[in-house]
Amino acid sequence: HCLAVGTTSSTVSDVIPAQGQVLA
């Protein structure tokens, strides 16, 4: 069982307010 986390934003050039994203 593994987990990966990040953001729903696809922007890589700046930090954009977005929701957290969890994959399993």
mmCIF file of all heavy atoms, coordinates in Angstrom:
data_MODEL
# 
_entry.id   MODEL 
# 
loop_
_atom_site.group_PDB 
_atom_site.id 
_atom_site.type_symbol 
_atom_site.label_atom_id 
_atom_site.label_alt_id 
_atom_site.label_comp_id 
_atom_site.label_asym_id 
_atom_site.label_entity_id 
_atom_site.label_seq_id 
_atom_site.pdbx_PDB_ins_code 
_atom_site.Cartn_x 
_atom_site.Cartn_y 
_atom_site.Cartn_z 
_atom_site.occupancy 
_atom_site.B_iso_or_equiv 
_atom_site.pdbx_formal_charge 
_atom_site.auth_seq_id 
_atom_site.auth_comp_id 
_atom_site.auth_asym_id 
_atom_site.auth_atom_id 
_atom_site.pdbx_PDB_model_num 
ATOM 1   N N   . HIS A 1 1  ? 0.843  -1.200 0.000   1.00 0.00 ? 1  HIS A N   1 
ATOM 2   C CA  . HIS A 1 1  ? 0.000  0.000  0.000   1.00 0.00 ? 1  HIS A CA  1 
ATOM 3   C C   . HIS A 1 1  ? 0.873  1.243  0.000   1.00 0.00 ? 1  HIS A C   1 
ATOM 4   O O   . HIS A 1 1  ? 1.665  1.463  0.921   1.00 0.00 ? 1  HIS A O   1 
ATOM 5   C CB  . HIS A 1 1  ? -0.902 -0.009 1.236   1.00 0.00 ? 1  HIS A CB  1 
ATOM 6   C CG  . HIS A 1 1  ? -1.750 1.216  1.364   1.00 0.00 ? 1  HIS A CG  1 
ATOM 7   N ND1 . HIS A 1 1  ? -2.098 1.755  2.579   1.00 0.00 ? 1  HIS A ND1 1 
ATOM 8   C CD2 . HIS A 1 1  ? -2.332 2.009  0.419   1.00 0.00 ? 1  HIS A CD2 1 
ATOM 9   C CE1 . HIS A 1 1  ? -2.846 2.830  2.394   1.00 0.00 ? 1  HIS A CE1 1 
ATOM 10  N NE2 . HIS A 1 1  ? -3.007 2.993  1.089   1.00 0.00 ? 1  HIS A NE2 1 
ATOM 11  N N   . CYS A 1 2  ? 0.732  2.091  -1.016  1.00 0.00 ? 2  CYS A N   1 
ATOM 12  C CA  . CYS A 1 2  ? 1.536  3.310  -1.148  1.00 0.00 ? 2  CYS A CA  1 
ATOM 13  C C   . CYS A 1 2  ? 0.627  4.516  -1.356  1.00 0.00 ? 2  CYS A C   1 
ATOM 14  O O   . CYS A 1 2  ? -0.484 4.389  -1.888  1.00 0.00 ? 2  CYS A O   1 
ATOM 15  C CB  . CYS A 1 2  ? 2.507  3.204  -2.323  1.00 0.00 ? 2  CYS A CB  1 
ATOM 16  S SG  . CYS A 1 2  ? 3.655  1.806  -2.217  1.00 0.00 ? 2  CYS A SG  1 
ATOM 17  N N   . LEU A 1 3  ? 1.126  5.687  -0.955  1.00 0.00 ? 3  LEU A N   1 
ATOM 18  C CA  . LEU A 1 3  ? 0.400  6.943  -1.089  1.00 0.00 ? 3  LEU A CA  1 
ATOM 19  C C   . LEU A 1 3  ? 1.291  7.980  -1.748  1.00 0.00 ? 3  LEU A C   1 
ATOM 20  O O   . LEU A 1 3  ? 2.498  8.032  -1.482  1.00 0.00 ? 3  LEU A O   1 
ATOM 21  C CB  . LEU A 1 3  ? -0.046 7.460  0.282   1.00 0.00 ? 3  LEU A CB  1 
ATOM 22  C CG  . LEU A 1 3  ? -0.985 6.564  1.086   1.00 0.00 ? 3  LEU A CG  1 
ATOM 23  C CD1 . LEU A 1 3  ? -1.066 7.055  2.531   1.00 0.00 ? 3  LEU A CD1 1 
ATOM 24  C CD2 . LEU A 1 3  ? -2.370 6.544  0.454   1.00 0.00 ? 3  LEU A CD2 1 
ATOM 25  N N   . ALA A 1 4  ? 0.716  8.807  -2.596  1.00 0.00 ? 4  ALA A N   1 
ATOM 26  C CA  . ALA A 1 4  ? 1.423  9.923  -3.214  1.00 0.00 ? 4  ALA A CA  1 
ATOM 27  C C   . ALA A 1 4  ? 0.577  11.172 -3.035  1.00 0.00 ? 4  ALA A C   1 
ATOM 28  O O   . ALA A 1 4  ? -0.654 11.112 -3.078  1.00 0.00 ? 4  ALA A O   1 
ATOM 29  C CB  . ALA A 1 4  ? 1.677  9.664  -4.697  1.00 0.00 ? 4  ALA A CB  1 
ATOM 30  N N   . VAL A 1 5  ? 1.243  12.315 -2.813  1.00 0.00 ? 5  VAL A N   1 
ATOM 31  C CA  . VAL A 1 5  ? 0.509  13.550 -2.537  1.00 0.00 ? 5  VAL A CA  1 
ATOM 32  C C   . VAL A 1 5  ? 1.033  14.692 -3.387  1.00 0.00 ? 5  VAL A C   1 
ATOM 33  O O   . VAL A 1 5  ? 2.174  14.683 -3.841  1.00 0.00 ? 5  VAL A O   1 
ATOM 34  C CB  . VAL A 1 5  ? 0.595  13.931 -1.040  1.00 0.00 ? 5  VAL A CB  1 
ATOM 35  C CG1 . VAL A 1 5  ? -0.080 12.886 -0.174  1.00 0.00 ? 5  VAL A CG1 1 
ATOM 36  C CG2 . VAL A 1 5  ? 2.053  14.123 -0.612  1.00 0.00 ? 5  VAL A CG2 1 
ATOM 37  N N   . GLY A 1 6  ? 0.168  15.691 -3.575  1.00 0.00 ? 6  GLY A N   1 
ATOM 38  C CA  . GLY A 1 6  ? 0.548  16.870 -4.343  1.00 0.00 ? 6  GLY A CA  1 
ATOM 39  C C   . GLY A 1 6  ? -0.592 17.859 -4.352  1.00 0.00 ? 6  GLY A C   1 
ATOM 40  O O   . GLY A 1 6  ? -1.270 18.070 -3.346  1.00 0.00 ? 6  GLY A O   1 
ATOM 41  N N   . THR A 1 7  ? -0.838 18.447 -5.508  1.00 0.00 ? 7  THR A N   1 
ATOM 42  C CA  . THR A 1 7  ? -1.859 19.470 -5.666  1.00 0.00 ? 7  THR A CA  1 
ATOM 43  C C   . THR A 1 7  ? -2.654 19.224 -6.928  1.00 0.00 ? 7  THR A C   1 
ATOM 44  O O   . THR A 1 7  ? -2.145 18.607 -7.876  1.00 0.00 ? 7  THR A O   1 
ATOM 45  C CB  . THR A 1 7  ? -1.205 20.869 -5.726  1.00 0.00 ? 7  THR A CB  1 
ATOM 46  O OG1 . THR A 1 7  ? -2.176 21.837 -6.087  1.00 0.00 ? 7  THR A OG1 1 
ATOM 47  C CG2 . THR A 1 7  ? -0.091 20.912 -6.765  1.00 0.00 ? 7  THR A CG2 1 
ATOM 48  N N   . THR A 1 8  ? -3.889 19.709 -6.950  1.00 0.00 ? 8  THR A N   1 
ATOM 49  C CA  . THR A 1 8  ? -4.684 19.581 -8.166  1.00 0.00 ? 8  THR A CA  1 
ATOM 50  C C   . THR A 1 8  ? -4.223 20.559 -9.241  1.00 0.00 ? 8  THR A C   1 
ATOM 51  O O   . THR A 1 8  ? -4.606 20.422 -10.405 1.00 0.00 ? 8  THR A O   1 
ATOM 52  C CB  . THR A 1 8  ? -6.173 19.830 -7.877  1.00 0.00 ? 8  THR A CB  1 
ATOM 53  O OG1 . THR A 1 8  ? -6.315 21.111 -7.240  1.00 0.00 ? 8  THR A OG1 1 
ATOM 54  C CG2 . THR A 1 8  ? -6.744 18.755 -6.970  1.00 0.00 ? 8  THR A CG2 1 
ATOM 55  N N   . SER A 1 9  ? -3.393 21.531 -8.878  1.00 0.00 ? 9  SER A N   1 
ATOM 56  C CA  . SER A 1 9  ? -2.892 22.494 -9.854  1.00 0.00 ? 9  SER A CA  1 
ATOM 57  C C   . SER A 1 9  ? -1.837 21.854 -10.752 1.00 0.00 ? 9  SER A C   1 
ATOM 58  O O   . SER A 1 9  ? -0.968 21.124 -10.282 1.00 0.00 ? 9  SER A O   1 
ATOM 59  C CB  . SER A 1 9  ? -2.285 23.708 -9.142  1.00 0.00 ? 9  SER A CB  1 
ATOM 60  O OG  . SER A 1 9  ? -1.617 24.553 -10.066 1.00 0.00 ? 9  SER A OG  1 
ATOM 61  N N   . SER A 1 10 ? -1.906 22.173 -12.031 1.00 0.00 ? 10 SER A N   1 
ATOM 62  C CA  . SER A 1 10 ? -0.905 21.690 -12.981 1.00 0.00 ? 10 SER A CA  1 
ATOM 63  C C   . SER A 1 10 ? 0.162  22.738 -13.261 1.00 0.00 ? 10 SER A C   1 
ATOM 64  O O   . SER A 1 10 ? 1.074  22.493 -14.059 1.00 0.00 ? 10 SER A O   1 
ATOM 65  C CB  . SER A 1 10 ? -1.583 21.291 -14.299 1.00 0.00 ? 10 SER A CB  1 
ATOM 66  O OG  . SER A 1 10 ? -2.151 22.436 -14.936 1.00 0.00 ? 10 SER A OG  1 
ATOM 67  N N   . THR A 1 11 ? 0.084  23.872 -12.596 1.00 0.00 ? 11 THR A N   1 
ATOM 68  C CA  . THR A 1 11 ? 1.040  24.953 -12.830 1.00 0.00 ? 11 THR A CA  1 
ATOM 69  C C   . THR A 1 11 ? 2.367  24.625 -12.167 1.00 0.00 ? 11 THR A C   1 
ATOM 70  O O   . THR A 1 11 ? 2.419  24.311 -10.976 1.00 0.00 ? 11 THR A O   1 
ATOM 71  C CB  . THR A 1 11 ? 0.513  26.287 -12.281 1.00 0.00 ? 11 THR A CB  1 
ATOM 72  O OG1 . THR A 1 11 ? -0.719 26.593 -12.919 1.00 0.00 ? 11 THR A OG1 1 
ATOM 73  C CG2 . THR A 1 11 ? 1.507  27.407 -12.531 1.00 0.00 ? 11 THR A CG2 1 
ATOM 74  N N   . VAL A 1 12 ? 3.453  24.695 -12.931 1.00 0.00 ? 12 VAL A N   1 
ATOM 75  C CA  . VAL A 1 12 ? 4.771  24.356 -12.403 1.00 0.00 ? 12 VAL A CA  1 
ATOM 76  C C   . VAL A 1 12 ? 5.666  25.576 -12.260 1.00 0.00 ? 12 VAL A C   1 
ATOM 77  O O   . VAL A 1 12 ? 6.734  25.503 -11.645 1.00 0.00 ? 12 VAL A O   1 
ATOM 78  C CB  . VAL A 1 12 ? 5.468  23.307 -13.285 1.00 0.00 ? 12 VAL A CB  1 
ATOM 79  C CG1 . VAL A 1 12 ? 4.619  22.055 -13.382 1.00 0.00 ? 12 VAL A CG1 1 
ATOM 80  C CG2 . VAL A 1 12 ? 5.747  23.861 -14.688 1.00 0.00 ? 12 VAL A CG2 1 
ATOM 81  N N   . SER A 1 13 ? 5.256  26.713 -12.805 1.00 0.00 ? 13 SER A N   1 
ATOM 82  C CA  . SER A 1 13 ? 6.094  27.907 -12.790 1.00 0.00 ? 13 SER A CA  1 
ATOM 83  C C   . SER A 1 13 ? 5.853  28.776 -11.570 1.00 0.00 ? 13 SER A C   1 
ATOM 84  O O   . SER A 1 13 ? 6.587  29.729 -11.333 1.00 0.00 ? 13 SER A O   1 
ATOM 85  C CB  . SER A 1 13 ? 5.845  28.733 -14.061 1.00 0.00 ? 13 SER A CB  1 
ATOM 86  O OG  . SER A 1 13 ? 4.467  29.040 -14.203 1.00 0.00 ? 13 SER A OG  1 
ATOM 87  N N   . ASP A 1 14 ? 4.799  28.468 -10.781 1.00 0.00 ? 14 ASP A N   1 
ATOM 88  C CA  . ASP A 1 14 ? 4.481  29.270 -9.611  1.00 0.00 ? 14 ASP A CA  1 
ATOM 89  C C   . ASP A 1 14 ? 3.617  28.425 -8.681  1.00 0.00 ? 14 ASP A C   1 
ATOM 90  O O   . ASP A 1 14 ? 3.096  27.380 -9.071  1.00 0.00 ? 14 ASP A O   1 
ATOM 91  C CB  . ASP A 1 14 ? 3.721  30.546 -10.017 1.00 0.00 ? 14 ASP A CB  1 
ATOM 92  C CG  . ASP A 1 14 ? 3.707  31.600 -8.928  1.00 0.00 ? 14 ASP A CG  1 
ATOM 93  O OD1 . ASP A 1 14 ? 4.326  31.360 -7.875  1.00 0.00 ? 14 ASP A OD1 1 
ATOM 94  O OD2 . ASP A 1 14 ? 3.087  32.650 -9.134  1.00 0.00 ? 14 ASP A OD2 1 
ATOM 95  N N   . VAL A 1 15 ? 3.489  28.858 -7.416  1.00 0.00 ? 15 VAL A N   1 
ATOM 96  C CA  . VAL A 1 15 ? 2.621  28.177 -6.463  1.00 0.00 ? 15 VAL A CA  1 
ATOM 97  C C   . VAL A 1 15 ? 1.219  28.766 -6.597  1.00 0.00 ? 15 VAL A C   1 
ATOM 98  O O   . VAL A 1 15 ? 1.006  29.947 -6.327  1.00 0.00 ? 15 VAL A O   1 
ATOM 99  C CB  . VAL A 1 15 ? 3.130  28.334 -5.024  1.00 0.00 ? 15 VAL A CB  1 
ATOM 100 C CG1 . VAL A 1 15 ? 2.156  27.680 -4.050  1.00 0.00 ? 15 VAL A CG1 1 
ATOM 101 C CG2 . VAL A 1 15 ? 4.519  27.727 -4.889  1.00 0.00 ? 15 VAL A CG2 1 
ATOM 102 N N   . ILE A 1 16 ? 0.276  27.941 -7.030  1.00 0.00 ? 16 ILE A N   1 
ATOM 103 C CA  . ILE A 1 16 ? -1.094 28.377 -7.250  1.00 0.00 ? 16 ILE A CA  1 
ATOM 104 C C   . ILE A 1 16 ? -1.976 27.772 -6.161  1.00 0.00 ? 16 ILE A C   1 
ATOM 105 O O   . ILE A 1 16 ? -1.944 26.557 -5.935  1.00 0.00 ? 16 ILE A O   1 
ATOM 106 C CB  . ILE A 1 16 ? -1.595 27.922 -8.631  1.00 0.00 ? 16 ILE A CB  1 
ATOM 107 C CG1 . ILE A 1 16 ? -0.695 28.491 -9.732  1.00 0.00 ? 16 ILE A CG1 1 
ATOM 108 C CG2 . ILE A 1 16 ? -3.036 28.338 -8.837  1.00 0.00 ? 16 ILE A CG2 1 
ATOM 109 C CD1 . ILE A 1 16 ? -0.678 29.999 -9.820  1.00 0.00 ? 16 ILE A CD1 1 
ATOM 110 N N   . PRO A 1 17 ? -2.778 28.576 -5.454  1.00 0.00 ? 17 PRO A N   1 
ATOM 111 C CA  . PRO A 1 17 ? -3.696 28.001 -4.467  1.00 0.00 ? 17 PRO A CA  1 
ATOM 112 C C   . PRO A 1 17 ? -4.594 26.956 -5.112  1.00 0.00 ? 17 PRO A C   1 
ATOM 113 O O   . PRO A 1 17 ? -5.248 27.221 -6.120  1.00 0.00 ? 17 PRO A O   1 
ATOM 114 C CB  . PRO A 1 17 ? -4.492 29.216 -3.983  1.00 0.00 ? 17 PRO A CB  1 
ATOM 115 C CG  . PRO A 1 17 ? -3.575 30.379 -4.209  1.00 0.00 ? 17 PRO A CG  1 
ATOM 116 C CD  . PRO A 1 17 ? -2.846 30.051 -5.482  1.00 0.00 ? 17 PRO A CD  1 
ATOM 117 N N   . ALA A 1 18 ? -4.600 25.767 -4.545  1.00 0.00 ? 18 ALA A N   1 
ATOM 118 C CA  . ALA A 1 18 ? -5.397 24.673 -5.105  1.00 0.00 ? 18 ALA A CA  1 
ATOM 119 C C   . ALA A 1 18 ? -5.670 23.667 -4.000  1.00 0.00 ? 18 ALA A C   1 
ATOM 120 O O   . ALA A 1 18 ? -5.164 23.793 -2.879  1.00 0.00 ? 18 ALA A O   1 
ATOM 121 C CB  . ALA A 1 18 ? -4.649 24.014 -6.267  1.00 0.00 ? 18 ALA A CB  1 
ATOM 122 N N   . GLN A 1 19 ? -6.453 22.654 -4.311  1.00 0.00 ? 19 GLN A N   1 
ATOM 123 C CA  . GLN A 1 19 ? -6.766 21.611 -3.351  1.00 0.00 ? 19 GLN A CA  1 
ATOM 124 C C   . GLN A 1 19 ? -5.636 20.584 -3.282  1.00 0.00 ? 19 GLN A C   1 
ATOM 125 O O   . GLN A 1 19 ? -4.886 20.403 -4.238  1.00 0.00 ? 19 GLN A O   1 
ATOM 126 C CB  . GLN A 1 19 ? -8.067 20.910 -3.742  1.00 0.00 ? 19 GLN A CB  1 
ATOM 127 C CG  . GLN A 1 19 ? -9.296 21.789 -3.612  1.00 0.00 ? 19 GLN A CG  1 
ATOM 128 C CD  . GLN A 1 19 ? -9.500 22.264 -2.185  1.00 0.00 ? 19 GLN A CD  1 
ATOM 129 O OE1 . GLN A 1 19 ? -9.475 21.474 -1.242  1.00 0.00 ? 19 GLN A OE1 1 
ATOM 130 N NE2 . GLN A 1 19 ? -9.691 23.570 -2.015  1.00 0.00 ? 19 GLN A NE2 1 
ATOM 131 N N   . GLY A 1 20 ? -5.544 19.938 -2.143  1.00 0.00 ? 20 GLY A N   1 
ATOM 132 C CA  . GLY A 1 20 ? -4.584 18.850 -2.015  1.00 0.00 ? 20 GLY A CA  1 
ATOM 133 C C   . GLY A 1 20 ? -5.040 17.642 -2.805  1.00 0.00 ? 20 GLY A C   1 
ATOM 134 O O   . GLY A 1 20 ? -6.235 17.428 -3.029  1.00 0.00 ? 20 GLY A O   1 
ATOM 135 N N   . GLN A 1 21 ? -4.083 16.855 -3.241  1.00 0.00 ? 21 GLN A N   1 
ATOM 136 C CA  . GLN A 1 21 ? -4.380 15.681 -4.057  1.00 0.00 ? 21 GLN A CA  1 
ATOM 137 C C   . GLN A 1 21 ? -3.684 14.467 -3.460  1.00 0.00 ? 21 GLN A C   1 
ATOM 138 O O   . GLN A 1 21 ? -2.492 14.521 -3.144  1.00 0.00 ? 21 GLN A O   1 
ATOM 139 C CB  . GLN A 1 21 ? -3.881 15.915 -5.481  1.00 0.00 ? 21 GLN A CB  1 
ATOM 140 C CG  . GLN A 1 21 ? -4.143 14.783 -6.449  1.00 0.00 ? 21 GLN A CG  1 
ATOM 141 C CD  . GLN A 1 21 ? -3.860 15.210 -7.877  1.00 0.00 ? 21 GLN A CD  1 
ATOM 142 O OE1 . GLN A 1 21 ? -4.754 15.514 -8.641  1.00 0.00 ? 21 GLN A OE1 1 
ATOM 143 N NE2 . GLN A 1 21 ? -2.586 15.268 -8.230  1.00 0.00 ? 21 GLN A NE2 1 
ATOM 144 N N   . VAL A 1 22 ? -4.436 13.382 -3.279  1.00 0.00 ? 22 VAL A N   1 
ATOM 145 C CA  . VAL A 1 22 ? -3.886 12.147 -2.719  1.00 0.00 ? 22 VAL A CA  1 
ATOM 146 C C   . VAL A 1 22 ? -4.172 11.010 -3.690  1.00 0.00 ? 22 VAL A C   1 
ATOM 147 O O   . VAL A 1 22 ? -5.318 10.806 -4.116  1.00 0.00 ? 22 VAL A O   1 
ATOM 148 C CB  . VAL A 1 22 ? -4.503 11.821 -1.348  1.00 0.00 ? 22 VAL A CB  1 
ATOM 149 C CG1 . VAL A 1 22 ? -3.876 10.546 -0.778  1.00 0.00 ? 22 VAL A CG1 1 
ATOM 150 C CG2 . VAL A 1 22 ? -4.317 12.983 -0.376  1.00 0.00 ? 22 VAL A CG2 1 
ATOM 151 N N   . LEU A 1 23 ? -3.130 10.274 -4.054  1.00 0.00 ? 23 LEU A N   1 
ATOM 152 C CA  . LEU A 1 23 ? -3.261 9.074  -4.871  1.00 0.00 ? 23 LEU A CA  1 
ATOM 153 C C   . LEU A 1 23 ? -2.896 7.864  -4.023  1.00 0.00 ? 23 LEU A C   1 
ATOM 154 O O   . LEU A 1 23 ? -2.087 7.957  -3.096  1.00 0.00 ? 23 LEU A O   1 
ATOM 155 C CB  . LEU A 1 23 ? -2.352 9.134  -6.095  1.00 0.00 ? 23 LEU A CB  1 
ATOM 156 C CG  . LEU A 1 23 ? -2.519 10.310 -7.056  1.00 0.00 ? 23 LEU A CG  1 
ATOM 157 C CD1 . LEU A 1 23 ? -1.561 10.149 -8.238  1.00 0.00 ? 23 LEU A CD1 1 
ATOM 158 C CD2 . LEU A 1 23 ? -3.943 10.435 -7.537  1.00 0.00 ? 23 LEU A CD2 1 
ATOM 159 N N   . ALA A 1 24 ? -3.468 6.719  -4.352  1.00 0.00 ? 24 ALA A N   1 
ATOM 160 C CA  . ALA A 1 24 ? -3.189 5.491  -3.621  1.00 0.00 ? 24 ALA A CA  1 
ATOM 161 C C   . ALA A 1 24 ? -2.875 4.369  -4.589  1.00 0.00 ? 24 ALA A C   1 
ATOM 162 O O   . ALA A 1 24 ? -3.400 4.314  -5.704  1.00 0.00 ? 24 ALA A O   1 
ATOM 163 C CB  . ALA A 1 24 ? -4.376 5.107  -2.740  1.00 0.00 ? 24 ALA A CB  1 
# 
